[in-house]
Structure formats: C-alpha cells, structure tokens
C-alpha atoms as a PDB file:
ATOM      1  CA  UNK A   1     205.175 121.541  86.163  1.00  0.00           C
ATOM      2  CA  UNK A   2     204.598 117.797  85.845  1.00  0.00           C
ATOM      3  CA  UNK A   3     208.037 117.353  84.292  1.00  0.00           C
ATOM      4  CA  UNK A   4     209.715 119.174  87.193  1.00  0.00           C
ATOM      5  CA  UNK A   5     207.728 117.213  89.761  1.00  0.00           C
ATOM      6  CA  UNK A   6     208.595 113.877  88.213  1.00  0.00           C
ATOM      7  CA  UNK A   7     212.283 114.742  87.749  1.00  0.00           C
ATOM      8  CA  UNK A   8     212.805 116.106  91.298  1.00  0.00           C
ATOM      9  CA  UNK A   9     210.822 113.234  92.830  1.00  0.00           C
ATOM     10  CA  UNK A  10     213.023 110.754  90.973  1.00  0.00           C
ATOM     11  CA  UNK A  11     216.166 112.617  92.058  1.00  0.00           C
ATOM     12  CA  UNK A  12     215.181 112.668  95.774  1.00  0.00           C
ATOM     13  CA  UNK A  13     214.055 109.081  95.531  1.00  0.00           C
ATOM     14  CA  UNK A  14     217.545 108.054  94.466  1.00  0.00           C
ATOM     15  CA  UNK A  15     217.010 107.034  90.874  1.00  0.00           C
ATOM     16  CA  UNK A  16     220.281 107.083  89.016  1.00  0.00           C
ATOM     17  CA  UNK A  17     218.907 108.373  85.693  1.00  0.00           C
ATOM     18  CA  UNK A  18     216.493 111.032  87.043  1.00  0.00           C
ATOM     19  CA  UNK A  19     217.671 113.507  84.445  1.00  0.00           C
ATOM     20  CA  UNK A  20     215.893 111.465  81.750  1.00  0.00           C
ATOM     21  CA  UNK A  21     212.610 112.982  83.006  1.00  0.00           C
ATOM     22  CA  UNK A  22     213.849 116.409  81.931  1.00  0.00           C
ATOM     23  CA  UNK A  23     214.769 115.169  78.404  1.00  0.00           C
ATOM     24  CA  UNK A  24     211.512 113.339  77.929  1.00  0.00           C
ATOM     25  CA  UNK A  25     209.331 116.009  79.536  1.00  0.00           C
ATOM     26  CA  UNK A  26     210.821 119.082  77.870  1.00  0.00           C
ATOM     27  CA  UNK A  27     211.902 117.370  74.681  1.00  0.00           C
ATOM     28  CA  UNK A  28     208.750 115.430  73.831  1.00  0.00           C
ATOM     29  CA  UNK A  29     205.811 115.827  76.199  1.00  0.00           C
ATOM     30  CA  UNK A  30     205.839 119.650  76.396  1.00  0.00           C
ATOM     31  CA  UNK A  31     206.091 120.232  72.589  1.00  0.00           C
ATOM     32  CA  UNK A  32     203.364 117.637  71.953  1.00  0.00           C
ATOM     33  CA  UNK A  33     201.107 119.187  74.549  1.00  0.00           C
ATOM     34  CA  UNK A  34     201.662 122.721  73.140  1.00  0.00           C
ATOM     35  CA  UNK A  35     200.901 121.519  69.626  1.00  0.00           C
ATOM     36  CA  UNK A  36     197.676 119.929  70.812  1.00  0.00           C
ATOM     37  CA  UNK A  37     196.717 123.021  72.751  1.00  0.00           C
ATOM     38  CA  UNK A  38     197.615 125.211  69.767  1.00  0.00           C
ATOM     39  CA  UNK A  39     195.469 123.246  67.364  1.00  0.00           C
ATOM     40  CA  UNK A  40     192.537 123.432  69.804  1.00  0.00           C
ATOM     41  CA  UNK A  41     192.883 127.193  70.269  1.00  0.00           C
ATOM     42  CA  UNK A  42     193.234 127.739  66.488  1.00  0.00           C
ATOM     43  CA  UNK A  43     190.002 125.800  65.856  1.00  0.00           C
ATOM     44  CA  UNK A  44     188.175 127.686  68.621  1.00  0.00           C
ATOM     45  CA  UNK A  45     189.680 130.951  67.391  1.00  0.00           C
ATOM     46  CA  UNK A  46     188.554 130.343  63.842  1.00  0.00           C
ATOM     47  CA  UNK A  47     184.995 129.580  65.017  1.00  0.00           C
ATOM     48  CA  UNK A  48     185.095 132.592  67.279  1.00  0.00           C
ATOM     49  CA  UNK A  49     186.289 134.787  64.387  1.00  0.00           C
ATOM     50  CA  UNK A  50     183.389 133.569  62.316  1.00  0.00           C
ATOM     51  CA  UNK A  51     181.016 134.579  65.089  1.00  0.00           C
ATOM     52  CA  UNK A  52     182.758 137.849  66.052  1.00  0.00           C
ATOM     53  CA  UNK A  53     183.632 139.994  63.069  1.00  0.00           C
ATOM     54  CA  UNK A  54     184.849 142.974  65.157  1.00  0.00           C
ATOM     55  CA  UNK A  55     187.777 140.932  66.542  1.00  0.00           C
ATOM     56  CA  UNK A  56     188.998 140.147  63.071  1.00  0.00           C
ATOM     57  CA  UNK A  57     188.519 143.735  62.026  1.00  0.00           C
ATOM     58  CA  UNK A  58     190.434 145.006  65.004  1.00  0.00           C
ATOM     59  CA  UNK A  59     193.389 142.776  64.130  1.00  0.00           C
ATOM     60  CA  UNK A  60     193.276 143.925  60.513  1.00  0.00           C
ATOM     61  CA  UNK A  61     193.199 147.565  61.593  1.00  0.00           C
ATOM     62  CA  UNK A  62     196.159 147.083  63.892  1.00  0.00           C
ATOM     63  CA  UNK A  63     198.109 145.389  61.104  1.00  0.00           C
ATOM     64  CA  UNK A  64     197.296 148.127  58.614  1.00  0.00           C
ATOM     65  CA  UNK A  65     198.203 150.811  61.200  1.00  0.00           C
ATOM     66  CA  UNK A  66     201.543 149.092  61.763  1.00  0.00           C
ATOM     67  CA  UNK A  67     202.143 148.947  58.049  1.00  0.00           C
ATOM     68  CA  UNK A  68     201.267 152.621  57.671  1.00  0.00           C
ATOM     69  CA  UNK A  69     203.588 153.593  60.552  1.00  0.00           C
ATOM     70  CA  UNK A  70     206.380 151.568  58.994  1.00  0.00           C
ATOM     71  CA  UNK A  71     205.836 153.332  55.649  1.00  0.00           C
ATOM     72  CA  UNK A  72     205.893 156.740  57.284  1.00  0.00           C
ATOM     73  CA  UNK A  73     209.127 155.924  59.091  1.00  0.00           C
ATOM     74  CA  UNK A  74     210.751 154.688  55.878  1.00  0.00           C
ATOM     75  CA  UNK A  75     209.747 157.828  53.996  1.00  0.00           C
ATOM     76  CA  UNK A  76     211.214 159.990  56.811  1.00  0.00           C
ATOM     77  CA  UNK A  77     214.423 157.911  56.784  1.00  0.00           C
ATOM     78  CA  UNK A  78     214.758 158.329  53.001  1.00  0.00           C
ATOM     79  CA  UNK A  79     214.357 162.094  53.436  1.00  0.00           C
ATOM     80  CA  UNK A  80     211.035 162.349  51.596  1.00  0.00           C
ATOM     81  CA  UNK A  81     209.372 163.904  54.679  1.00  0.00           C
ATOM     82  CA  UNK A  82     210.541 166.736  56.859  1.00  0.00           C
ATOM     83  CA  UNK A  83     210.465 166.316  60.610  1.00  0.00           C
ATOM     84  CA  UNK A  84     207.314 168.373  60.898  1.00  0.00           C
ATOM     85  CA  UNK A  85     205.578 166.425  58.121  1.00  0.00           C
ATOM     86  CA  UNK A  86     206.639 163.131  59.761  1.00  0.00           C
ATOM     87  CA  UNK A  87     205.258 164.209  63.181  1.00  0.00           C
ATOM     88  CA  UNK A  88     202.022 165.519  61.616  1.00  0.00           C
ATOM     89  CA  UNK A  89     201.423 162.274  59.694  1.00  0.00           C
ATOM     90  CA  UNK A  90     202.294 160.126  62.612  1.00  0.00           C
ATOM     91  CA  UNK A  91     200.000 162.067  64.955  1.00  0.00           C
ATOM     92  CA  UNK A  92     197.163 161.882  62.443  1.00  0.00           C
ATOM     93  CA  UNK A  93     197.650 158.171  62.053  1.00  0.00           C
ATOM     94  CA  UNK A  94     197.626 157.515  65.806  1.00  0.00           C
ATOM     95  CA  UNK A  95     194.406 159.595  66.200  1.00  0.00           C
ATOM     96  CA  UNK A  96     192.674 157.660  63.421  1.00  0.00           C
ATOM     97  CA  UNK A  97     190.837 154.566  64.704  1.00  0.00           C
ATOM     98  CA  UNK A  98     188.451 153.847  61.809  1.00  0.00           C
ATOM     99  CA  UNK A  99     188.149 154.485  58.137  1.00  0.00           C
ATOM    100  CA  UNK A 100     185.389 157.021  58.867  1.00  0.00           C
ATOM    101  CA  UNK A 101     187.787 158.899  61.199  1.00  0.00           C
ATOM    102  CA  UNK A 102     190.328 159.050  58.411  1.00  0.00           C
ATOM    103  CA  UNK A 103     187.784 160.434  55.964  1.00  0.00           C
ATOM    104  CA  UNK A 104     186.670 163.097  58.441  1.00  0.00           C
ATOM    105  CA  UNK A 105     190.311 164.073  59.029  1.00  0.00           C
ATOM    106  CA  UNK A 106     190.979 164.418  55.287  1.00  0.00           C
ATOM    107  CA  UNK A 107     187.858 166.555  54.817  1.00  0.00           C
ATOM    108  CA  UNK A 108     188.831 168.750  57.793  1.00  0.00           C
ATOM    109  CA  UNK A 109     192.380 169.256  56.522  1.00  0.00           C
ATOM    110  CA  UNK A 110     191.046 170.217  53.101  1.00  0.00           C
ATOM    111  CA  UNK A 111     188.672 172.728  54.654  1.00  0.00           C
ATOM    112  CA  UNK A 112     191.493 174.185  56.776  1.00  0.00           C
ATOM    113  CA  UNK A 113     193.742 174.404  53.732  1.00  0.00           C
ATOM    114  CA  UNK A 114     190.989 176.142  51.717  1.00  0.00           C
ATOM    115  CA  UNK A 115     190.444 178.621  54.553  1.00  0.00           C
ATOM    116  CA  UNK A 116     194.156 179.471  54.692  1.00  0.00           C
ATOM    117  CA  UNK A 117     194.468 180.007  50.919  1.00  0.00           C
ATOM    118  CA  UNK A 118     194.399 183.701  49.961  1.00  0.00           C
ATOM    119  CA  UNK A 119     191.287 184.967  48.149  1.00  0.00           C
ATOM    120  CA  UNK A 120     193.508 186.382  45.342  1.00  0.00           C
ATOM    121  CA  UNK A 121     194.283 182.891  44.114  1.00  0.00           C
ATOM    122  CA  UNK A 122     191.081 182.917  42.037  1.00  0.00           C
ATOM    123  CA  UNK A 123     192.473 185.865  40.006  1.00  0.00           C
ATOM    124  CA  UNK A 124     195.769 184.209  39.143  1.00  0.00           C
ATOM    125  CA  UNK A 125     194.322 182.485  36.111  1.00  0.00           C
ATOM    126  CA  UNK A 126     192.479 185.423  34.623  1.00  0.00           C
END
C-alpha cells in the first residue's frame, strides 16, 4: 500500500520518474519486508509448535492422509483396485481421523468378515 501511495503521489505531484517508486517498492522493499515477516512468523511458529503439540500432530495427520489418498489413487489408476475397492478404501480413509479410529475400523471389518464367513470353513481342513 505504501508503494502505491508513494508512486501515485509522485505521479500527481508531477515528478518525471514517478515509476521508479514501483520498481523500488515492489522490487526491493516488498520482498525484504516479506522475508523479515516470514522469519518472524517462522520463529514464532516454531516456539508455538514446541508449546502446542496438537498443531504439529494435526499437520502430520493431514500430510499422511494426503499421502494415503495419493497412494490409493495410484493403485486405482494402475488397475490394482476395482472401483468398489477404491471407493471403500477412500471412504474409510476419509472417516478415519486418528490412529485409534483406524484400529477400531480394522477390528470391525475383521469381525464383519468373520461373521460373513460360512461355518463350514472349519471343516475344509479335516
């Protein structure tokens, strides 16, 4: 905003080289100010991350979820998963928020699978 104010003031005041304010402001002042602001926010962020573990965990969970979604999409694209398998895995991934949720989902799917298995399966090996 300061760059625009200086440049337009110089233009309306009749300075011949008013455009130099844009070059200096957007070419040097703005990048320097953003680097200074970035370094301040990084130092405050790192101290905040040290104080607040849940924030760091949330970012890690989002990253791992994105990686998992990417892997599921790649497997579907390679033909390793059918459309139904892809949708099931994607739905399960989106429903899972924590590691404990994932464990509960796995246990539940195992129980469901065991309930669906026919009782005659025990006799196959005899």
